[in-house]
Amino acid sequence: MSRRFPFLCVPQAVLQAALFAVLLACPALAAMQAEPVEFKGIPFGKEYEPDASFVCQLDSEEGLRCTRPSDELRLHGVPLKTLSYLFMYKRLFTVDMEVDGREAFDTLAAELAKRHGKPVKTGGGMLSYVGKEVDILFYYDANRRTGEFSYVFKNLPCPVE
């Protein structure tokens, strides 16, 4: 029985080991290194209207899902299968990409690690980088043999109705 925490029926050594494990995990929770402020010239967090170089369709009441045919379908040298942008409230909200195969996924994940540090592992095999304004989420879908990457701007202003 724990002497410091008599209400817990857990040996103190177990509590100390759990606390040590949490402390070891803290570096993984550190802020993302070199947080992106833009994606292919489109700023996160600033008003931006997709121009005529984009092909857009209404994605929801407030959002436009767009592609830009002039975009090179590569990120950090890795070929992309798809690349799309979601604009909400006249701001870039998400960038969604897919890559074909495990090798392309691992290569892009390694390039992101060079730029942003070690990702945080979350449930379901998802990996993420957590920034102040932008998060990067990614995972590999073995059934589809496709890697999915998303950049998400998380400080989107929500208008008051």
N, C-alpha and C. Protein backbone atom coordinates (compact mmCIF):
# COMPACT_ATOMS: atom_id res chain seq x y z
N MET A 1 0.85 -1.17 0.00
CA MET A 1 0.00 0.00 0.00
C MET A 1 0.90 1.23 0.00
N SER A 2 0.50 2.25 -0.72
CA SER A 2 1.26 3.48 -0.80
C SER A 2 1.19 4.23 0.52
N ARG A 3 2.34 4.69 1.00
CA ARG A 3 2.36 5.45 2.25
C ARG A 3 1.98 6.90 2.01
N ARG A 4 2.39 7.45 0.88
CA ARG A 4 2.06 8.84 0.58
C ARG A 4 0.61 9.02 0.15
N PHE A 5 0.09 8.04 -0.50
CA PHE A 5 -1.27 8.09 -1.02
C PHE A 5 -2.07 6.91 -0.44
N PRO A 6 -2.46 6.98 0.83
CA PRO A 6 -3.11 5.84 1.47
C PRO A 6 -4.44 5.47 0.83
N PHE A 7 -5.05 6.41 0.10
CA PHE A 7 -6.33 6.10 -0.53
C PHE A 7 -6.15 5.26 -1.78
N LEU A 8 -4.91 5.10 -2.26
CA LEU A 8 -4.64 4.27 -3.42
C LEU A 8 -4.14 2.91 -2.96
N CYS A 9 -4.64 1.90 -3.58
CA CYS A 9 -4.18 0.54 -3.27
C CYS A 9 -3.14 0.12 -4.30
N VAL A 10 -2.15 0.98 -4.45
CA VAL A 10 -1.09 0.74 -5.43
C VAL A 10 0.24 0.94 -4.72
N PRO A 11 1.17 0.01 -4.88
CA PRO A 11 2.48 0.19 -4.25
C PRO A 11 3.15 1.48 -4.74
N GLN A 12 3.89 2.13 -3.86
CA GLN A 12 4.56 3.38 -4.19
C GLN A 12 5.51 3.20 -5.37
N ALA A 13 6.17 2.08 -5.47
CA ALA A 13 7.10 1.84 -6.57
C ALA A 13 6.38 1.87 -7.91
N VAL A 14 5.15 1.37 -7.95
CA VAL A 14 4.37 1.38 -9.18
C VAL A 14 4.00 2.81 -9.55
N LEU A 15 3.61 3.60 -8.55
CA LEU A 15 3.30 5.01 -8.80
C LEU A 15 4.51 5.77 -9.30
N GLN A 16 5.67 5.51 -8.70
CA GLN A 16 6.89 6.18 -9.14
C GLN A 16 7.25 5.78 -10.57
N ALA A 17 7.10 4.52 -10.90
CA ALA A 17 7.38 4.05 -12.26
C ALA A 17 6.44 4.70 -13.26
N ALA A 18 5.18 4.85 -12.91
CA ALA A 18 4.21 5.49 -13.80
C ALA A 18 4.57 6.96 -14.00
N LEU A 19 4.94 7.65 -12.93
CA LEU A 19 5.33 9.05 -13.03
C LEU A 19 6.59 9.19 -13.89
N PHE A 20 7.55 8.29 -13.72
CA PHE A 20 8.76 8.31 -14.51
C PHE A 20 8.44 8.13 -16.00
N ALA A 21 7.52 7.22 -16.31
CA ALA A 21 7.12 6.98 -17.70
C ALA A 21 6.47 8.22 -18.30
N VAL A 22 5.65 8.92 -17.53
CA VAL A 22 5.02 10.16 -18.00
C VAL A 22 6.09 11.21 -18.27
N LEU A 23 7.05 11.35 -17.37
CA LEU A 23 8.11 12.33 -17.55
C LEU A 23 8.98 12.02 -18.77
N LEU A 24 9.22 10.74 -19.04
CA LEU A 24 9.98 10.36 -20.22
C LEU A 24 9.23 10.73 -21.50
N ALA A 25 7.91 10.68 -21.44
CA ALA A 25 7.10 10.99 -22.61
C ALA A 25 7.03 12.49 -22.88
N CYS A 26 7.34 13.32 -21.93
CA CYS A 26 7.21 14.78 -22.08
C CYS A 26 8.01 15.35 -23.25
N PRO A 27 9.23 14.91 -23.54
CA PRO A 27 9.92 15.48 -24.70
C PRO A 27 9.13 15.27 -25.99
N ALA A 28 8.39 14.17 -26.11
CA ALA A 28 7.59 13.93 -27.30
C ALA A 28 6.44 14.91 -27.39
N LEU A 29 6.07 15.51 -26.28
CA LEU A 29 4.97 16.47 -26.28
C LEU A 29 5.46 17.90 -26.49
N ALA A 30 6.74 18.07 -26.69
CA ALA A 30 7.29 19.41 -26.90
C ALA A 30 6.72 20.00 -28.18
N ALA A 31 6.75 21.31 -28.26
CA ALA A 31 6.22 22.00 -29.43
C ALA A 31 6.96 21.58 -30.70
N MET A 32 6.25 21.62 -31.79
CA MET A 32 6.81 21.29 -33.09
C MET A 32 7.95 22.25 -33.42
N GLN A 33 9.02 21.75 -33.98
CA GLN A 33 10.11 22.58 -34.46
C GLN A 33 9.72 23.15 -35.83
N ALA A 34 10.13 24.35 -36.13
CA ALA A 34 9.94 24.97 -37.45
C ALA A 34 8.49 24.84 -37.93
N GLU A 35 7.57 25.32 -37.10
CA GLU A 35 6.15 25.24 -37.45
C GLU A 35 5.87 25.96 -38.78
N PRO A 36 5.15 25.31 -39.70
CA PRO A 36 4.88 25.97 -40.98
C PRO A 36 3.95 27.17 -40.82
N VAL A 37 4.23 28.22 -41.58
CA VAL A 37 3.38 29.41 -41.57
C VAL A 37 2.63 29.54 -42.90
N GLU A 38 3.01 28.71 -43.87
CA GLU A 38 2.34 28.70 -45.16
C GLU A 38 2.51 27.32 -45.80
N PHE A 39 1.73 27.09 -46.86
CA PHE A 39 1.87 25.85 -47.61
C PHE A 39 1.81 26.22 -49.09
N LYS A 40 2.90 25.96 -49.80
CA LYS A 40 3.01 26.28 -51.23
C LYS A 40 2.56 27.71 -51.52
N GLY A 41 3.01 28.63 -50.66
CA GLY A 41 2.73 30.04 -50.86
C GLY A 41 1.42 30.55 -50.29
N ILE A 42 0.63 29.68 -49.71
CA ILE A 42 -0.66 30.08 -49.13
C ILE A 42 -0.48 30.17 -47.61
N PRO A 43 -0.70 31.35 -47.04
CA PRO A 43 -0.46 31.51 -45.60
C PRO A 43 -1.53 30.86 -44.74
N PHE A 44 -1.12 30.33 -43.60
CA PHE A 44 -2.07 29.87 -42.59
C PHE A 44 -2.45 31.07 -41.74
N GLY A 45 -3.73 31.23 -41.43
CA GLY A 45 -4.17 32.23 -40.49
C GLY A 45 -4.46 33.61 -41.03
N LYS A 46 -4.09 33.86 -42.28
CA LYS A 46 -4.35 35.17 -42.87
C LYS A 46 -5.44 35.02 -43.93
N GLU A 47 -6.22 36.07 -44.11
CA GLU A 47 -7.25 36.01 -45.14
C GLU A 47 -6.62 35.74 -46.50
N TYR A 48 -7.26 34.85 -47.25
CA TYR A 48 -6.75 34.46 -48.55
C TYR A 48 -7.94 33.98 -49.39
N GLU A 49 -8.09 34.54 -50.54
CA GLU A 49 -9.14 34.13 -51.48
C GLU A 49 -8.48 33.31 -52.58
N PRO A 50 -8.92 32.07 -52.80
CA PRO A 50 -8.38 31.30 -53.92
C PRO A 50 -8.63 32.05 -55.23
N ASP A 51 -7.58 32.21 -56.02
CA ASP A 51 -7.72 32.94 -57.28
C ASP A 51 -8.09 31.99 -58.41
N ALA A 52 -8.01 32.48 -59.63
CA ALA A 52 -8.42 31.71 -60.80
C ALA A 52 -7.54 30.49 -61.06
N SER A 53 -6.38 30.40 -60.40
CA SER A 53 -5.52 29.23 -60.59
C SER A 53 -6.04 28.00 -59.83
N PHE A 54 -7.04 28.19 -58.99
CA PHE A 54 -7.65 27.10 -58.22
C PHE A 54 -8.94 26.62 -58.88
N VAL A 55 -9.22 25.35 -58.71
CA VAL A 55 -10.51 24.77 -59.08
C VAL A 55 -11.18 24.41 -57.75
N CYS A 56 -12.33 25.02 -57.47
CA CYS A 56 -12.96 24.86 -56.16
C CYS A 56 -14.41 24.41 -56.28
N GLN A 57 -14.86 23.74 -55.24
CA GLN A 57 -16.28 23.40 -55.11
C GLN A 57 -16.66 23.56 -53.65
N LEU A 58 -17.92 23.86 -53.42
CA LEU A 58 -18.40 24.04 -52.06
C LEU A 58 -18.27 22.72 -51.31
N ASP A 59 -17.59 22.73 -50.16
CA ASP A 59 -17.37 21.53 -49.36
C ASP A 59 -18.37 21.45 -48.22
N SER A 60 -18.78 22.58 -47.72
CA SER A 60 -19.75 22.66 -46.64
C SER A 60 -20.36 24.05 -46.71
N GLU A 61 -21.16 24.41 -45.75
CA GLU A 61 -21.78 25.74 -45.75
C GLU A 61 -20.76 26.86 -45.86
N GLU A 62 -19.64 26.70 -45.21
CA GLU A 62 -18.65 27.78 -45.14
C GLU A 62 -17.36 27.48 -45.88
N GLY A 63 -17.17 26.26 -46.38
CA GLY A 63 -15.87 25.88 -46.90
C GLY A 63 -15.80 25.62 -48.39
N LEU A 64 -14.62 25.85 -48.94
CA LEU A 64 -14.33 25.54 -50.33
C LEU A 64 -13.22 24.51 -50.38
N ARG A 65 -13.47 23.40 -51.06
CA ARG A 65 -12.44 22.37 -51.28
C ARG A 65 -11.84 22.67 -52.65
N CYS A 66 -10.53 22.88 -52.68
CA CYS A 66 -9.87 23.33 -53.91
C CYS A 66 -8.67 22.47 -54.26
N THR A 67 -8.37 22.45 -55.53
CA THR A 67 -7.10 21.93 -56.04
C THR A 67 -6.51 23.06 -56.89
N ARG A 68 -5.23 22.97 -57.13
CA ARG A 68 -4.56 23.96 -57.97
C ARG A 68 -3.77 23.18 -59.02
N PRO A 69 -4.32 23.08 -60.24
CA PRO A 69 -3.68 22.27 -61.28
C PRO A 69 -2.21 22.61 -61.52
N SER A 70 -1.81 23.85 -61.24
CA SER A 70 -0.42 24.25 -61.46
C SER A 70 0.53 23.74 -60.37
N ASP A 71 -0.01 23.21 -59.26
CA ASP A 71 0.84 22.70 -58.19
C ASP A 71 1.66 21.50 -58.65
N GLU A 72 2.93 21.51 -58.28
CA GLU A 72 3.74 20.32 -58.48
C GLU A 72 3.30 19.33 -57.41
N LEU A 73 2.94 18.14 -57.81
CA LEU A 73 2.46 17.15 -56.85
C LEU A 73 3.64 16.44 -56.19
N ARG A 74 4.38 17.20 -55.40
CA ARG A 74 5.51 16.71 -54.63
C ARG A 74 5.57 17.52 -53.35
N LEU A 75 5.99 16.88 -52.28
CA LEU A 75 6.26 17.57 -51.02
C LEU A 75 7.59 17.05 -50.50
N HIS A 76 8.53 17.94 -50.30
CA HIS A 76 9.88 17.59 -49.83
C HIS A 76 10.50 16.49 -50.69
N GLY A 77 10.24 16.57 -52.00
CA GLY A 77 10.81 15.62 -52.95
C GLY A 77 10.02 14.34 -53.13
N VAL A 78 8.95 14.15 -52.36
CA VAL A 78 8.17 12.91 -52.42
C VAL A 78 6.94 13.13 -53.31
N PRO A 79 6.71 12.24 -54.28
CA PRO A 79 5.54 12.38 -55.15
C PRO A 79 4.23 12.23 -54.36
N LEU A 80 3.28 13.10 -54.66
CA LEU A 80 1.96 13.04 -54.03
C LEU A 80 0.95 12.44 -55.00
N LYS A 81 0.08 11.64 -54.48
CA LYS A 81 -1.02 11.08 -55.27
C LYS A 81 -2.13 12.13 -55.41
N THR A 82 -2.45 12.82 -54.31
CA THR A 82 -3.46 13.87 -54.31
C THR A 82 -2.99 15.02 -53.43
N LEU A 83 -3.54 16.20 -53.71
CA LEU A 83 -3.28 17.40 -52.91
C LEU A 83 -4.50 18.29 -53.02
N SER A 84 -5.11 18.61 -51.87
CA SER A 84 -6.27 19.51 -51.89
C SER A 84 -6.20 20.45 -50.70
N TYR A 85 -6.91 21.56 -50.84
CA TYR A 85 -6.95 22.61 -49.83
C TYR A 85 -8.40 22.81 -49.41
N LEU A 86 -8.62 23.05 -48.14
CA LEU A 86 -9.94 23.43 -47.67
C LEU A 86 -9.82 24.83 -47.06
N PHE A 87 -10.59 25.76 -47.62
CA PHE A 87 -10.64 27.12 -47.12
C PHE A 87 -11.93 27.32 -46.35
N MET A 88 -11.81 27.85 -45.13
CA MET A 88 -12.97 28.16 -44.29
C MET A 88 -12.84 29.61 -43.84
N TYR A 89 -13.93 30.36 -43.92
CA TYR A 89 -13.93 31.76 -43.48
C TYR A 89 -12.78 32.55 -44.10
N LYS A 90 -12.54 32.30 -45.39
CA LYS A 90 -11.51 33.00 -46.17
C LYS A 90 -10.10 32.76 -45.65
N ARG A 91 -9.88 31.58 -45.06
CA ARG A 91 -8.54 31.22 -44.57
C ARG A 91 -8.25 29.76 -44.94
N LEU A 92 -6.97 29.47 -45.13
CA LEU A 92 -6.57 28.09 -45.36
C LEU A 92 -6.76 27.32 -44.06
N PHE A 93 -7.62 26.32 -44.08
CA PHE A 93 -7.94 25.54 -42.89
C PHE A 93 -7.18 24.22 -42.89
N THR A 94 -7.29 23.44 -43.96
CA THR A 94 -6.54 22.18 -44.03
C THR A 94 -5.92 22.00 -45.41
N VAL A 95 -4.82 21.28 -45.42
CA VAL A 95 -4.19 20.79 -46.64
C VAL A 95 -4.16 19.28 -46.49
N ASP A 96 -4.76 18.58 -47.43
CA ASP A 96 -4.82 17.12 -47.38
C ASP A 96 -4.06 16.53 -48.55
N MET A 97 -3.23 15.53 -48.25
CA MET A 97 -2.40 14.88 -49.27
C MET A 97 -2.42 13.38 -49.07
N GLU A 98 -2.20 12.67 -50.16
CA GLU A 98 -2.01 11.22 -50.11
C GLU A 98 -0.75 10.87 -50.89
N VAL A 99 -0.08 9.82 -50.43
CA VAL A 99 1.06 9.26 -51.15
C VAL A 99 0.79 7.78 -51.38
N ASP A 100 1.35 7.25 -52.46
CA ASP A 100 1.19 5.83 -52.80
C ASP A 100 2.28 5.01 -52.14
N GLY A 101 1.89 4.00 -51.38
CA GLY A 101 2.81 3.02 -50.88
C GLY A 101 3.56 3.38 -49.61
N ARG A 102 4.05 2.34 -48.98
CA ARG A 102 4.75 2.48 -47.70
C ARG A 102 6.07 3.23 -47.85
N GLU A 103 6.78 2.97 -48.94
CA GLU A 103 8.08 3.62 -49.12
C GLU A 103 7.92 5.14 -49.21
N ALA A 104 6.96 5.61 -49.99
CA ALA A 104 6.73 7.05 -50.10
C ALA A 104 6.29 7.62 -48.75
N PHE A 105 5.44 6.89 -48.03
CA PHE A 105 5.00 7.34 -46.71
C PHE A 105 6.19 7.49 -45.77
N ASP A 106 7.03 6.46 -45.70
CA ASP A 106 8.18 6.49 -44.80
C ASP A 106 9.17 7.60 -45.18
N THR A 107 9.35 7.82 -46.47
CA THR A 107 10.26 8.87 -46.93
C THR A 107 9.74 10.24 -46.53
N LEU A 108 8.43 10.49 -46.74
CA LEU A 108 7.87 11.79 -46.36
C LEU A 108 7.87 11.96 -44.85
N ALA A 109 7.56 10.89 -44.11
CA ALA A 109 7.59 10.96 -42.64
C ALA A 109 9.00 11.31 -42.15
N ALA A 110 10.03 10.73 -42.79
CA ALA A 110 11.41 11.02 -42.41
C ALA A 110 11.77 12.48 -42.73
N GLU A 111 11.29 12.99 -43.86
CA GLU A 111 11.55 14.40 -44.21
C GLU A 111 10.87 15.33 -43.21
N LEU A 112 9.66 14.99 -42.80
CA LEU A 112 8.97 15.81 -41.79
C LEU A 112 9.73 15.78 -40.47
N ALA A 113 10.26 14.62 -40.10
CA ALA A 113 11.02 14.51 -38.85
C ALA A 113 12.28 15.38 -38.89
N LYS A 114 12.93 15.48 -40.05
CA LYS A 114 14.11 16.35 -40.17
C LYS A 114 13.74 17.80 -39.90
N ARG A 115 12.56 18.19 -40.32
CA ARG A 115 12.13 19.58 -40.20
C ARG A 115 11.46 19.91 -38.86
N HIS A 116 10.71 18.94 -38.32
CA HIS A 116 9.84 19.23 -37.18
C HIS A 116 10.15 18.44 -35.91
N GLY A 117 11.12 17.55 -35.94
CA GLY A 117 11.45 16.77 -34.76
C GLY A 117 10.70 15.44 -34.74
N LYS A 118 10.62 14.88 -33.57
CA LYS A 118 9.98 13.57 -33.41
C LYS A 118 8.47 13.74 -33.28
N PRO A 119 7.68 12.98 -34.07
CA PRO A 119 6.23 13.10 -33.96
C PRO A 119 5.70 12.41 -32.70
N VAL A 120 4.50 12.81 -32.32
CA VAL A 120 3.80 12.19 -31.21
C VAL A 120 2.94 11.06 -31.78
N LYS A 121 2.99 9.90 -31.15
CA LYS A 121 2.15 8.78 -31.58
C LYS A 121 0.82 8.86 -30.84
N THR A 122 -0.26 8.73 -31.59
CA THR A 122 -1.59 8.74 -30.99
C THR A 122 -2.27 7.42 -31.34
N GLY A 123 -3.50 7.26 -30.90
CA GLY A 123 -4.23 6.02 -31.14
C GLY A 123 -4.45 5.73 -32.61
N GLY A 124 -4.62 4.47 -32.93
CA GLY A 124 -4.94 4.06 -34.28
C GLY A 124 -3.80 4.19 -35.27
N GLY A 125 -2.57 4.31 -34.78
CA GLY A 125 -1.43 4.42 -35.67
C GLY A 125 -1.18 5.81 -36.22
N MET A 126 -1.92 6.79 -35.74
CA MET A 126 -1.74 8.17 -36.21
C MET A 126 -0.51 8.78 -35.55
N LEU A 127 0.19 9.60 -36.31
CA LEU A 127 1.32 10.36 -35.83
C LEU A 127 0.98 11.84 -35.99
N SER A 128 1.55 12.68 -35.13
CA SER A 128 1.24 14.10 -35.25
C SER A 128 2.38 14.97 -34.74
N TYR A 129 2.38 16.17 -35.28
CA TYR A 129 3.20 17.26 -34.77
C TYR A 129 2.21 18.31 -34.30
N VAL A 130 2.41 18.80 -33.10
CA VAL A 130 1.48 19.77 -32.52
C VAL A 130 2.18 21.13 -32.45
N GLY A 131 1.62 22.08 -33.16
CA GLY A 131 2.15 23.44 -33.16
C GLY A 131 1.20 24.37 -32.45
N LYS A 132 1.59 25.62 -32.34
CA LYS A 132 0.72 26.62 -31.72
C LYS A 132 -0.45 26.94 -32.62
N GLU A 133 -0.21 26.97 -33.93
CA GLU A 133 -1.27 27.32 -34.87
C GLU A 133 -1.57 26.23 -35.87
N VAL A 134 -0.58 25.39 -36.18
CA VAL A 134 -0.75 24.36 -37.21
C VAL A 134 -0.32 23.01 -36.64
N ASP A 135 -1.17 22.02 -36.84
CA ASP A 135 -0.83 20.63 -36.52
C ASP A 135 -0.62 19.88 -37.82
N ILE A 136 0.26 18.88 -37.79
CA ILE A 136 0.44 17.99 -38.92
C ILE A 136 0.07 16.59 -38.45
N LEU A 137 -0.88 15.97 -39.12
CA LEU A 137 -1.36 14.63 -38.77
C LEU A 137 -1.07 13.69 -39.93
N PHE A 138 -0.66 12.47 -39.64
CA PHE A 138 -0.43 11.53 -40.73
C PHE A 138 -0.51 10.09 -40.24
N TYR A 139 -0.90 9.21 -41.18
CA TYR A 139 -0.94 7.78 -40.89
C TYR A 139 -0.90 7.00 -42.20
N TYR A 140 -0.58 5.72 -42.06
CA TYR A 140 -0.52 4.85 -43.22
C TYR A 140 -1.67 3.87 -43.16
N ASP A 141 -2.45 3.81 -44.23
CA ASP A 141 -3.58 2.87 -44.34
C ASP A 141 -3.09 1.66 -45.13
N ALA A 142 -2.78 0.58 -44.43
CA ALA A 142 -2.21 -0.61 -45.07
C ALA A 142 -3.20 -1.25 -46.05
N ASN A 143 -4.49 -1.19 -45.75
CA ASN A 143 -5.48 -1.79 -46.65
C ASN A 143 -5.51 -1.08 -48.00
N ARG A 144 -5.38 0.22 -48.00
CA ARG A 144 -5.40 1.00 -49.23
C ARG A 144 -4.00 1.23 -49.79
N ARG A 145 -2.97 0.88 -49.00
CA ARG A 145 -1.56 1.12 -49.37
C ARG A 145 -1.33 2.60 -49.69
N THR A 146 -1.90 3.42 -48.81
CA THR A 146 -1.86 4.87 -49.01
C THR A 146 -1.50 5.56 -47.71
N GLY A 147 -0.60 6.53 -47.79
CA GLY A 147 -0.28 7.37 -46.65
C GLY A 147 -1.08 8.65 -46.76
N GLU A 148 -1.63 9.11 -45.64
CA GLU A 148 -2.43 10.33 -45.62
C GLU A 148 -1.77 11.34 -44.69
N PHE A 149 -1.64 12.58 -45.17
CA PHE A 149 -1.02 13.67 -44.44
C PHE A 149 -1.96 14.86 -44.46
N SER A 150 -2.12 15.52 -43.32
CA SER A 150 -2.93 16.73 -43.25
C SER A 150 -2.23 17.79 -42.43
N TYR A 151 -2.25 19.01 -42.94
CA TYR A 151 -1.83 20.19 -42.19
C TYR A 151 -3.11 20.88 -41.78
N VAL A 152 -3.27 21.14 -40.49
CA VAL A 152 -4.52 21.70 -39.99
C VAL A 152 -4.24 22.99 -39.23
N PHE A 153 -4.85 24.09 -39.69
CA PHE A 153 -4.76 25.35 -38.97
C PHE A 153 -5.81 25.31 -37.88
N LYS A 154 -5.42 25.45 -36.63
CA LYS A 154 -6.35 25.22 -35.53
C LYS A 154 -6.89 26.47 -34.86
N ASN A 155 -6.52 27.64 -35.35
CA ASN A 155 -7.02 28.88 -34.75
C ASN A 155 -7.96 29.61 -35.69
N LEU A 156 -8.80 28.84 -36.35
CA LEU A 156 -9.75 29.39 -37.31
C LEU A 156 -10.77 30.26 -36.58
N PRO A 157 -10.98 31.49 -37.04
CA PRO A 157 -11.98 32.33 -36.38
C PRO A 157 -13.38 31.83 -36.72
N CYS A 158 -14.22 31.75 -35.74
CA CYS A 158 -15.60 31.34 -35.96
C CYS A 158 -16.49 32.57 -35.80
N PRO A 159 -17.17 32.96 -36.88
CA PRO A 159 -18.02 34.14 -36.79
C PRO A 159 -19.19 33.92 -35.83
N VAL A 160 -19.59 34.97 -35.17
CA VAL A 160 -20.73 34.90 -34.26
C VAL A 160 -21.99 35.11 -35.07
N GLU A 161 -22.96 34.23 -34.86
CA GLU A 161 -24.21 34.35 -35.61
C GLU A 161 -25.17 35.27 -34.93
